[in-house]
Protein backbone atom coordinates (compact mmCIF):
# COMPACT_ATOMS: atom_id res chain seq x y z
CA ILE A 1 0.79 -22.25 0.10
CA LYS A 2 -1.82 -20.81 2.40
CA LEU A 3 -2.09 -17.04 2.33
CA HIS A 4 -2.01 -15.33 5.78
CA LYS A 5 -3.14 -11.79 6.59
CA ARG A 6 -2.05 -9.66 9.50
CA VAL A 7 -1.92 -6.02 10.43
CA MET A 8 1.50 -4.31 10.60
CA ASN A 9 1.95 -0.60 11.14
CA GLY A 10 -1.75 -0.10 10.52
CA TYR A 11 -1.74 -1.81 7.11
CA MET A 12 -2.99 -5.28 6.14
CA VAL A 13 0.01 -7.46 5.13
CA LEU A 14 0.01 -10.73 3.28
CA SER A 15 2.57 -13.36 4.16
CA ASN A 16 3.77 -16.45 2.33
CA LYS A 17 4.12 -14.38 -0.84
CA SER A 18 7.92 -14.68 -1.28
CA ASP A 19 7.43 -15.40 -4.97
CA HIS A 20 5.64 -12.06 -5.59
CA PRO A 21 7.66 -9.21 -7.23
CA LEU A 22 6.65 -6.74 -4.45
CA SER A 23 7.48 -9.04 -1.53
CA THR A 24 10.07 -8.23 1.09
CA GLN A 25 12.87 -10.66 1.92
CA LYS A 26 10.58 -12.11 4.60
CA GLY A 27 7.90 -12.84 1.99
CA LEU A 28 5.57 -10.06 3.04
CA VAL A 29 3.52 -7.87 0.70
CA ALA A 30 1.30 -4.94 1.73
CA GLU A 31 -2.18 -5.97 0.66
CA HIS A 32 -3.04 -2.56 -0.85
CA ARG A 33 0.08 -2.75 -3.07
CA TYR A 34 -0.70 -6.35 -3.96
CA VAL A 35 -4.31 -5.50 -5.01
CA VAL A 36 -3.20 -2.64 -7.32
CA TYR A 37 -0.26 -4.62 -8.73
CA GLU A 38 -2.50 -7.58 -9.64
CA ASP A 39 -5.27 -5.34 -11.03
CA GLN A 40 -2.76 -3.51 -13.26
CA CYS A 41 -1.09 -6.80 -14.35
CA GLY A 42 2.19 -5.67 -12.92
CA VAL A 43 2.29 -2.36 -14.78
CA CYS A 44 3.03 0.63 -12.52
CA PHE A 45 0.80 3.44 -13.78
CA HIS A 46 1.42 7.14 -13.40
CA CYS A 47 0.44 9.19 -10.33
CA PHE A 48 -3.32 9.52 -10.22
CA TRP A 49 -3.03 13.07 -8.91
CA CYS A 50 -0.25 14.72 -11.04
CA GLY A 51 0.41 12.23 -13.86
CA LYS A 52 4.12 11.63 -13.01
CA ASP A 53 5.50 8.27 -14.28
CA LEU A 54 6.18 5.89 -11.44
CA GLU A 55 7.95 2.61 -10.72
CA TRP A 56 6.79 0.09 -8.15
CA LYS A 57 9.90 0.67 -6.06
CA THR A 58 8.88 4.27 -5.30
CA ALA A 59 5.11 4.28 -5.93
CA ASN A 60 2.70 4.93 -3.07
CA ILE A 61 -0.80 3.50 -2.99
CA ASP A 62 -3.26 6.03 -1.67
CA HIS A 63 -6.34 4.90 0.33
CA LEU A 64 -8.96 7.41 -0.84
CA ASP A 65 -11.08 7.03 2.29
CA GLU A 66 -8.06 7.14 4.60
CA ASN A 67 -8.87 3.68 5.98
CA LYS A 68 -5.64 1.67 5.67
CA LEU A 69 -7.56 -1.59 6.03
CA ASN A 70 -10.00 -0.89 3.18
CA ASN A 71 -8.12 -2.48 0.33
CA GLU A 72 -10.99 -2.58 -2.15
CA ARG A 73 -9.65 -1.69 -5.56
CA SER A 74 -12.10 1.26 -5.88
CA ASN A 75 -10.50 2.80 -2.78
CA LEU A 76 -6.88 2.67 -4.05
CA VAL A 77 -4.95 4.90 -6.45
CA THR A 78 -1.28 4.97 -7.41
CA SER A 79 0.41 8.10 -6.15
CA CYS A 80 3.85 9.74 -6.11
CA ILE A 81 5.28 10.51 -2.67
CA ASP A 82 4.86 14.28 -3.11
CA CYS A 83 1.15 14.01 -3.95
CA ASN A 84 0.55 11.38 -1.24
CA ARG A 85 2.06 13.69 1.42
CA ALA A 86 0.37 16.83 0.03
CA ARG A 87 -3.04 15.15 0.01
CA GLY A 88 -2.60 13.92 3.53
CA GLY A 89 -1.73 17.39 4.74
CA MET A 90 -4.54 19.03 2.75
CA LEU A 91 -7.18 16.71 4.21
CA LYS A 92 -6.41 18.01 7.72
CA PHE A 93 -6.82 21.57 6.46
CA VAL A 94 -10.08 20.75 4.66
CA ASP A 95 -11.40 19.03 7.76
CA ARG A 96 -10.88 22.23 9.82
CA MET A 97 -12.76 24.41 7.28
CA ARG A 98 -16.13 25.84 8.03
CA GLU A 99 -18.77 24.22 5.85
CA ASP A 100 -19.55 27.46 4.03
CA ALA A 101 -15.84 27.95 3.22
CA VAL A 102 -15.50 24.74 1.22
CA PRO A 103 -17.17 26.01 -2.00
CA GLU A 104 -15.01 29.14 -1.94
CA PHE A 105 -11.89 27.06 -1.43
CA PHE A 106 -12.63 25.01 -4.53
CA ALA A 107 -13.53 28.14 -6.49
CA GLN A 108 -10.13 29.62 -5.59
CA ILE A 109 -8.36 26.38 -6.69
CA LEU A 110 -10.00 26.65 -10.11
CA LYS A 111 -9.07 30.32 -10.45
CA TYR A 112 -5.50 29.60 -9.43
CA ARG A 113 -5.18 26.72 -11.94
CA ALA A 114 -6.57 28.90 -14.78
CA ARG A 115 -4.06 31.61 -13.91
CA VAL A 116 -0.93 29.43 -13.66
CA ARG A 117 -1.69 27.20 -16.65
CA LYS A 118 -1.95 30.04 -19.17
């Protein structure tokens, strides 16, 4: 069977994959999910960000560079929905920051974590 690629909703999708565990009823698999699934030999790892255990049914695959078409394995991490949404929202905030505010932001994150994890 020849594998076909196309873009749907901004994501690269593979067709003619009806035999794949992640495929839809129409035989479609999002390429980023396919790449991570195959790399992890079908095992759904924990959330990269918070460590929560995940299942393929609910796992998100995060594109680290925010490019939904860059499905290189090094650009993809498994994520829970909460972390995926939080990171997306935080990136917009970080993008608005003045350059000289970024180091202070990260310093405050480290102070906060030290305080709440005691």
